[in-house]
Amino acid sequence: MRRPLSSGLAPLLLPSLYLVLLGTCLLLLPPSALGASEQRLRQACATCRGIIERFDQGLADTAKKNFGGGNTAWEEKTLSKYETSFLFLFFLINVSSWCFPPSPISKEHEEHIEKWWFKLKKKHPDLFKWLCIETIEVCCPAGTYGTDCLACRGGSERPCHGNGLCEGDGTRGGDGACRCNREYSGEFCLDCSYGYYSSLRNDTHSVCTACHNACKTCTGASNTECEECKEGWIENNEEACVDMDECAEEVSPCKDDQYCLNTDGSFSCKACDDSCVGCTGEGPDKCKSCMSGYTMEDEKCTDVNECNSAEVCTRENEDCINTSGSYKCVCSENFENKDGTCVQIVKAGEWLFAFKTILRQKY
């Protein structure tokens, strides 16, 4: 009769096992309806790979540990170390059935897993290769694809010549076609995409490098090797693509209250200074003419101090304050505006004293 595990085992095992189970359950979610057949093939491999990875991680996390129960000596002698115990095997072959209906790994192949665990582990230490690729055949070796694990385009050693991804790589799905990186194109990802040139090319390797910023297409790295210039660039007398200065055009591409700032291959429009009516650049010294309230002095629009004129702020007890491009009239200190007139501010005590004085004078 099998002796029950000591009471110390459950608290040690269950939290970590539950988390592992939860992570694995997520892998077993059913595929969507769109492309379901192809997706099932890839999902089967992903599920197998995921379980093996978690299994291997569990072995690593619990290396050189025992069950930690009350009778540790008995557990080590009878059940051996945790990393070689039957519990891990139990987890591996039953996890799928705890999450969803039976899957290709959870029920159909329990005997394979048990056989590997107890008899073949030393001979075939790579569980993923033995189980997922060779035994239940849901995955393929890296660099191969499809039902028969055919080599990807460009060969299994360097699929797509290292310049892209093989469709279905490592699974029993896909068609082996290359999805090239941005720089590359063609069936084997050996050709260069639009805007790139070949800096290295032989039968097995291709290196594509971005063209100069001025080039739409090119044969080399410099702006003299452009086959066609990008928009905003123009070919000069030396057959090099150089920046086209849009700001040098007779008619500015910007609005009347803006100036044009040239950039490589383009331009931007910036607001003129507040003192300007039209401008050629940044600041009040770049004004074509001045706004009202400003005057041109030393080739620069300068604020006019209207307060120097006797014709502004002419009311009694009123002061003038100059502002940029204008001015404002305010009542002098201790005066306030009432109905368009600056009258003296009378405090409460002063008002009472003045009222009594008036009464005495009147009566």
Protein backbone atom coordinates (compact mmCIF):
# COMPACT_ATOMS: atom_id res chain seq x y z
CA MET A 1 0.00 0.00 0.00
CA ARG A 2 1.31 3.46 -0.92
CA ARG A 3 2.13 5.54 2.09
CA PRO A 4 0.40 9.00 2.06
CA LEU A 5 2.55 12.09 1.75
CA SER A 6 3.28 13.93 4.96
CA SER A 7 1.17 16.95 5.89
CA GLY A 8 4.10 19.29 5.22
CA LEU A 9 3.95 18.66 1.45
CA ALA A 10 0.71 20.43 0.58
CA PRO A 11 1.64 23.92 1.81
CA LEU A 12 4.98 23.67 -0.02
CA LEU A 13 3.62 22.39 -3.31
CA LEU A 14 0.18 23.83 -3.95
CA PRO A 15 0.85 27.58 -4.37
CA SER A 16 3.63 27.19 -6.91
CA LEU A 17 1.86 24.31 -8.67
CA TYR A 18 -1.32 26.37 -8.96
CA LEU A 19 0.56 29.22 -10.64
CA VAL A 20 2.20 26.84 -13.07
CA LEU A 21 -1.17 25.28 -13.84
CA LEU A 22 -2.72 28.67 -14.45
CA GLY A 23 0.04 29.71 -16.86
CA THR A 24 -0.30 26.47 -18.78
CA CYS A 25 -4.09 26.72 -18.97
CA LEU A 26 -3.73 30.01 -20.81
CA LEU A 27 -1.74 28.23 -23.50
CA LEU A 28 -4.57 25.79 -24.10
CA LEU A 29 -7.25 28.30 -25.05
CA PRO A 30 -9.01 27.21 -28.26
CA PRO A 31 -8.01 28.97 -31.51
CA SER A 32 -10.23 31.53 -33.22
CA ALA A 33 -12.48 30.53 -36.09
CA LEU A 34 -10.43 32.44 -38.66
CA GLY A 35 -7.65 30.20 -39.95
CA ALA A 36 -8.51 27.66 -37.25
CA SER A 37 -6.90 24.65 -38.95
CA GLU A 38 -3.57 26.40 -39.47
CA GLN A 39 -3.74 27.94 -36.04
CA ARG A 40 -4.43 24.57 -34.39
CA LEU A 41 -1.23 23.19 -35.87
CA ARG A 42 0.78 26.05 -34.46
CA GLN A 43 -1.12 26.05 -31.17
CA ALA A 44 -0.42 22.36 -30.63
CA CYS A 45 3.32 23.00 -30.88
CA ALA A 46 3.09 26.11 -28.71
CA THR A 47 1.18 24.13 -26.07
CA CYS A 48 3.71 21.32 -26.06
CA ARG A 49 6.61 23.76 -25.93
CA GLY A 50 5.00 25.76 -23.14
CA ILE A 51 4.39 22.73 -20.96
CA ILE A 52 7.96 21.48 -21.45
CA GLU A 53 9.37 24.92 -20.62
CA ARG A 54 7.33 25.09 -17.41
CA PHE A 55 8.28 21.54 -16.57
CA ASP A 56 11.98 22.33 -17.05
CA GLN A 57 11.61 25.52 -15.02
CA GLY A 58 9.98 23.54 -12.23
CA LEU A 59 12.93 21.16 -12.20
CA ALA A 60 15.37 24.06 -12.04
CA ASP A 61 13.44 25.88 -9.30
CA THR A 62 13.28 22.82 -7.05
CA ALA A 63 16.75 21.39 -7.67
CA LYS A 64 18.29 19.77 -4.56
CA LYS A 65 15.07 20.20 -2.55
CA ASN A 66 13.01 17.53 -0.78
CA PHE A 67 9.32 17.47 0.04
CA GLY A 68 9.91 19.28 3.31
CA GLY A 69 7.35 17.18 5.17
CA GLY A 70 7.43 15.94 8.71
CA ASN A 71 9.28 12.72 7.85
CA THR A 72 11.92 14.06 5.45
CA ALA A 73 14.21 11.06 5.77
CA TRP A 74 11.39 8.66 4.82
CA GLU A 75 10.35 10.87 1.87
CA GLU A 76 13.89 11.05 0.48
CA LYS A 77 14.34 7.34 0.81
CA THR A 78 10.93 6.29 -0.49
CA LEU A 79 9.93 9.11 -2.86
CA SER A 80 13.43 10.41 -3.75
CA LYS A 81 14.18 14.09 -4.33
CA TYR A 82 11.41 16.42 -5.41
CA GLU A 83 12.91 17.02 -8.86
CA THR A 84 12.73 13.27 -9.65
CA SER A 85 9.42 12.59 -7.92
CA PHE A 86 6.25 11.21 -9.47
CA LEU A 87 4.51 14.50 -8.70
CA PHE A 88 6.12 16.34 -11.59
CA LEU A 89 5.12 13.54 -13.92
CA PHE A 90 1.59 13.68 -12.55
CA PHE A 91 1.47 17.40 -13.28
CA LEU A 92 2.79 17.01 -16.82
CA ILE A 93 0.31 14.38 -17.98
CA ASN A 94 -2.79 15.73 -16.24
CA VAL A 95 -2.51 19.51 -16.47
CA SER A 96 -4.42 19.82 -19.73
CA SER A 97 -7.43 17.87 -18.47
CA TRP A 98 -7.65 20.19 -15.47
CA CYS A 99 -8.01 23.21 -17.74
CA PHE A 100 -10.00 22.14 -20.82
CA PRO A 101 -11.32 19.01 -22.52
CA PRO A 102 -8.64 16.41 -23.43
CA SER A 103 -5.92 17.71 -25.73
CA PRO A 104 -3.30 15.86 -27.80
CA ILE A 105 -0.91 16.11 -24.87
CA SER A 106 -3.13 15.63 -21.86
CA LYS A 107 -4.73 12.22 -22.47
CA GLU A 108 -3.62 10.58 -25.65
CA HIS A 109 0.09 10.45 -24.88
CA GLU A 110 0.31 9.83 -21.14
CA GLU A 111 2.08 6.54 -21.73
CA HIS A 112 4.76 8.25 -23.84
CA ILE A 113 5.51 10.75 -21.10
CA GLU A 114 5.59 8.11 -18.39
CA LYS A 115 7.87 5.96 -20.51
CA TRP A 116 10.29 8.85 -21.04
CA TRP A 117 10.21 9.83 -17.37
CA PHE A 118 11.11 6.40 -16.02
CA LYS A 119 13.06 4.75 -18.88
CA LEU A 120 14.31 7.18 -21.55
CA LYS A 121 15.26 10.34 -19.71
CA LYS A 122 18.98 9.59 -19.69
CA LYS A 123 19.09 8.45 -23.30
CA HIS A 124 16.94 11.35 -24.52
CA PRO A 125 17.54 14.25 -22.10
CA ASP A 126 15.83 16.77 -24.43
CA LEU A 127 12.19 16.18 -23.57
CA PHE A 128 10.94 18.74 -26.10
CA LYS A 129 12.76 17.06 -28.98
CA TRP A 130 11.76 13.55 -27.92
CA LEU A 131 8.12 14.31 -27.13
CA CYS A 132 7.01 17.29 -29.24
CA ILE A 133 9.05 16.59 -32.40
CA GLU A 134 9.81 12.89 -32.59
CA THR A 135 7.01 11.18 -30.67
CA ILE A 136 3.70 13.06 -30.89
CA GLU A 137 4.93 15.10 -33.88
CA VAL A 138 3.33 18.46 -33.16
CA CYS A 139 6.55 20.47 -33.69
CA CYS A 140 9.45 20.49 -36.13
CA PRO A 141 13.15 21.18 -35.59
CA ALA A 142 14.17 24.82 -35.88
CA GLY A 143 14.50 25.91 -39.50
CA THR A 144 11.89 23.46 -40.79
CA TYR A 145 8.11 23.58 -41.19
CA GLY A 146 4.99 21.67 -42.19
CA THR A 147 3.76 18.10 -41.91
CA ASP A 148 7.04 16.65 -43.16
CA CYS A 149 9.33 19.20 -41.48
CA LEU A 150 10.77 20.49 -44.75
CA ALA A 151 13.64 22.98 -44.73
CA CYS A 152 12.64 26.64 -44.82
CA ARG A 153 13.56 28.71 -47.85
CA GLY A 154 17.25 29.49 -47.63
CA GLY A 155 17.93 26.27 -45.68
CA SER A 156 17.29 25.11 -42.14
CA GLU A 157 20.61 26.46 -40.85
CA ARG A 158 19.83 30.08 -41.85
CA PRO A 159 16.16 30.35 -42.84
CA CYS A 160 15.55 33.23 -45.24
CA HIS A 161 19.34 33.73 -45.19
CA GLY A 162 19.02 35.34 -41.76
CA ASN A 163 17.13 38.31 -43.23
CA GLY A 164 13.57 37.34 -42.33
CA LEU A 165 11.26 34.84 -40.66
CA CYS A 166 10.18 31.48 -42.08
CA GLU A 167 6.41 31.05 -42.07
CA GLY A 168 5.70 28.10 -39.76
CA ASP A 169 9.29 27.73 -38.55
CA GLY A 170 9.46 24.96 -35.95
CA THR A 171 5.79 23.94 -36.30
CA ARG A 172 3.77 21.47 -38.37
CA GLY A 173 2.01 24.41 -40.04
CA GLY A 174 3.00 27.20 -42.42
CA ASP A 175 4.27 27.11 -45.98
CA GLY A 176 7.93 27.95 -45.40
CA ALA A 177 7.62 31.32 -47.17
CA CYS A 178 9.89 34.12 -46.00
CA ARG A 179 8.58 37.25 -44.30
CA CYS A 180 11.55 39.51 -44.93
CA ASN A 181 12.85 42.20 -42.61
CA ARG A 182 12.21 45.78 -43.70
CA GLU A 183 15.53 46.09 -45.54
CA TYR A 184 15.06 42.95 -47.64
CA SER A 185 12.76 41.57 -50.32
CA GLY A 186 12.45 38.63 -52.70
CA GLU A 187 11.59 34.98 -52.20
CA PHE A 188 14.77 34.29 -50.22
CA CYS A 189 15.24 37.77 -48.67
CA LEU A 190 18.41 38.33 -50.67
CA ASP A 191 17.24 41.42 -52.60
CA CYS A 192 17.14 44.94 -51.19
CA SER A 193 13.94 46.83 -50.52
CA TYR A 194 13.10 50.26 -51.93
CA GLY A 195 15.43 52.82 -50.33
CA TYR A 196 18.23 50.33 -49.58
CA TYR A 197 21.29 49.19 -51.53
CA SER A 198 23.35 46.01 -51.49
CA SER A 199 26.57 46.54 -49.55
CA LEU A 200 27.40 42.80 -49.54
CA ARG A 201 26.06 40.01 -51.71
CA ASN A 202 26.98 36.39 -52.49
CA ASP A 203 25.10 33.12 -52.89
CA THR A 204 24.34 32.75 -49.19
CA HIS A 205 24.62 36.22 -47.65
CA SER A 206 23.15 39.62 -48.40
CA VAL A 207 23.51 42.86 -46.49
CA CYS A 208 21.25 45.76 -47.43
CA THR A 209 22.01 49.26 -46.13
CA ALA A 210 19.81 52.36 -46.11
CA CYS A 211 20.42 54.92 -48.86
CA HIS A 212 21.47 58.50 -48.13
CA ASN A 213 18.61 60.68 -46.87
CA ALA A 214 18.54 62.47 -50.21
CA CYS A 215 17.98 59.30 -52.25
CA LYS A 216 14.74 57.60 -53.11
CA THR A 217 16.71 54.74 -54.68
CA CYS A 218 20.48 54.33 -54.87
CA THR A 219 23.46 52.17 -55.71
CA GLY A 220 25.67 53.29 -52.82
CA ALA A 221 25.97 55.20 -49.57
CA SER A 222 26.52 58.81 -50.70
CA ASN A 223 24.22 61.41 -52.23
CA THR A 224 26.20 61.12 -55.47
CA GLU A 225 24.99 57.52 -55.89
CA CYS A 226 21.27 58.26 -55.95
CA GLU A 227 19.29 56.82 -58.82
CA GLU A 228 16.43 59.17 -57.97
CA CYS A 229 16.19 62.07 -55.54
CA LYS A 230 13.56 62.22 -52.80
CA GLU A 231 10.97 64.98 -52.76
CA GLY A 232 12.58 68.10 -51.32
CA TRP A 233 15.93 67.28 -52.90
CA ILE A 234 17.22 68.17 -56.36
CA GLU A 235 20.07 66.98 -58.55
CA ASN A 236 22.85 69.55 -58.98
CA ASN A 237 25.46 69.95 -61.72
CA GLU A 238 27.67 67.30 -60.08
CA GLU A 239 24.76 64.81 -60.30
CA ALA A 240 24.39 64.76 -56.53
CA CYS A 241 21.06 65.07 -54.75
CA VAL A 242 21.15 68.21 -52.60
CA ASP A 243 18.58 69.97 -50.47
CA MET A 244 16.14 72.18 -52.34
CA ASP A 245 15.78 75.51 -50.49
CA GLU A 246 12.04 76.11 -50.65
CA CYS A 247 12.54 79.34 -48.68
CA ALA A 248 14.59 80.83 -51.54
CA GLU A 249 11.59 80.78 -53.88
CA GLU A 250 10.34 84.19 -55.04
CA VAL A 251 6.96 83.56 -53.42
CA SER A 252 7.23 82.29 -49.84
CA PRO A 253 5.35 79.07 -49.09
CA CYS A 254 4.40 80.55 -45.68
CA LYS A 255 1.67 82.99 -44.58
CA ASP A 256 2.21 86.77 -44.40
CA ASP A 257 2.79 86.71 -40.61
CA GLN A 258 5.29 83.84 -40.84
CA TYR A 259 8.82 83.33 -42.07
CA CYS A 260 10.21 80.27 -43.86
CA LEU A 261 12.86 78.08 -42.19
CA ASN A 262 14.63 75.63 -44.51
CA THR A 263 15.39 72.07 -43.33
CA ASP A 264 16.96 69.04 -45.03
CA GLY A 265 14.48 67.96 -47.67
CA SER A 266 11.72 70.21 -46.38
CA PHE A 267 10.90 73.50 -44.61
CA SER A 268 8.81 74.87 -41.75
CA CYS A 269 6.89 78.11 -41.16
CA LYS A 270 7.53 80.10 -37.95
CA ALA A 271 5.55 83.02 -36.51
CA CYS A 272 7.01 86.53 -36.91
CA ASP A 273 7.80 88.67 -33.87
CA ASP A 274 4.80 90.52 -32.40
CA SER A 275 6.33 93.82 -33.52
CA CYS A 276 6.46 92.84 -37.20
CA VAL A 277 4.20 93.25 -40.18
CA GLY A 278 5.80 90.53 -42.28
CA CYS A 279 9.33 89.32 -41.64
CA THR A 280 12.31 87.46 -43.08
CA GLY A 281 13.38 85.69 -39.92
CA GLU A 282 13.20 85.49 -36.14
CA GLY A 283 13.17 88.59 -33.93
CA PRO A 284 12.26 92.29 -34.22
CA ASP A 285 15.35 92.99 -36.34
CA LYS A 286 13.93 90.83 -39.16
CA CYS A 287 10.70 92.80 -39.64
CA LYS A 288 9.75 94.06 -43.09
CA SER A 289 7.72 96.83 -41.39
CA CYS A 290 6.47 97.55 -37.89
CA MET A 291 3.10 97.06 -36.20
CA SER A 292 1.22 100.08 -34.79
CA GLY A 293 2.85 101.05 -31.50
CA TYR A 294 6.34 100.26 -32.80
CA THR A 295 8.83 102.26 -34.83
CA MET A 296 11.84 101.27 -36.90
CA GLU A 297 15.04 102.32 -35.14
CA ASP A 298 18.47 101.02 -36.16
CA GLU A 299 16.79 98.50 -38.47
CA LYS A 300 14.78 97.08 -35.57
CA CYS A 301 11.14 97.51 -34.57
CA THR A 302 11.19 99.25 -31.18
CA ASP A 303 8.28 99.97 -28.85
CA VAL A 304 6.94 103.55 -28.93
CA ASN A 305 6.55 105.05 -25.43
CA GLU A 306 3.20 106.76 -25.81
CA CYS A 307 3.42 108.02 -22.23
CA ASN A 308 5.98 110.61 -23.36
CA SER A 309 3.17 112.36 -25.21
CA ALA A 310 1.05 114.98 -23.47
CA GLU A 311 -1.96 113.90 -25.45
CA VAL A 312 -2.64 110.63 -23.58
CA CYS A 313 -4.14 109.99 -20.13
CA THR A 314 -5.26 113.63 -19.75
CA ARG A 315 -7.84 113.20 -16.98
CA GLU A 316 -7.11 114.66 -13.57
CA ASN A 317 -5.31 112.32 -11.16
CA GLU A 318 -4.56 109.86 -13.97
CA ASP A 319 -1.23 108.17 -14.84
CA CYS A 320 0.04 106.57 -18.07
CA ILE A 321 1.66 103.10 -18.10
CA ASN A 322 3.57 102.04 -21.22
CA THR A 323 3.09 98.51 -22.61
CA SER A 324 4.59 96.64 -25.58
CA GLY A 325 3.10 98.29 -28.63
CA SER A 326 0.54 100.28 -26.61
CA TYR A 327 -0.21 101.95 -23.24
CA LYS A 328 -2.93 102.11 -20.59
CA CYS A 329 -4.34 104.84 -18.34
CA VAL A 330 -4.87 104.18 -14.61
CA CYS A 331 -5.88 106.31 -11.67
CA SER A 332 -3.04 107.60 -9.54
CA GLU A 333 -2.20 106.06 -6.17
CA ASN A 334 -4.98 106.52 -3.58
CA PHE A 335 -7.47 107.25 -6.37
CA GLU A 336 -10.04 104.99 -7.99
CA ASN A 337 -12.15 105.10 -11.14
CA LYS A 338 -15.79 105.93 -10.60
CA ASP A 339 -17.97 106.68 -13.59
CA GLY A 340 -14.96 107.69 -15.69
CA THR A 341 -13.48 109.99 -13.05
CA CYS A 342 -10.53 109.35 -10.73
CA VAL A 343 -11.77 110.10 -7.21
CA GLN A 344 -9.85 109.89 -3.97
CA ILE A 345 -10.22 106.72 -1.96
CA VAL A 346 -11.70 107.57 1.48
CA LYS A 347 -11.16 105.06 4.29
CA ALA A 348 -14.00 104.31 6.72
CA GLY A 349 -12.55 106.33 9.64
CA GLU A 350 -11.65 109.25 7.41
CA TRP A 351 -15.17 109.28 5.96
CA LEU A 352 -16.76 109.50 9.40
CA PHE A 353 -14.42 112.35 10.39
CA ALA A 354 -15.22 114.22 7.16
CA PHE A 355 -18.96 113.70 7.68
CA LYS A 356 -18.83 115.12 11.20
CA THR A 357 -16.80 118.08 9.98
CA ILE A 358 -19.41 118.85 7.34
CA LEU A 359 -22.20 118.63 9.92
CA ARG A 360 -20.43 121.08 12.23
CA GLN A 361 -19.87 123.52 9.41
CA LYS A 362 -23.49 123.29 8.29
CA TYR A 363 -25.18 123.45 11.70
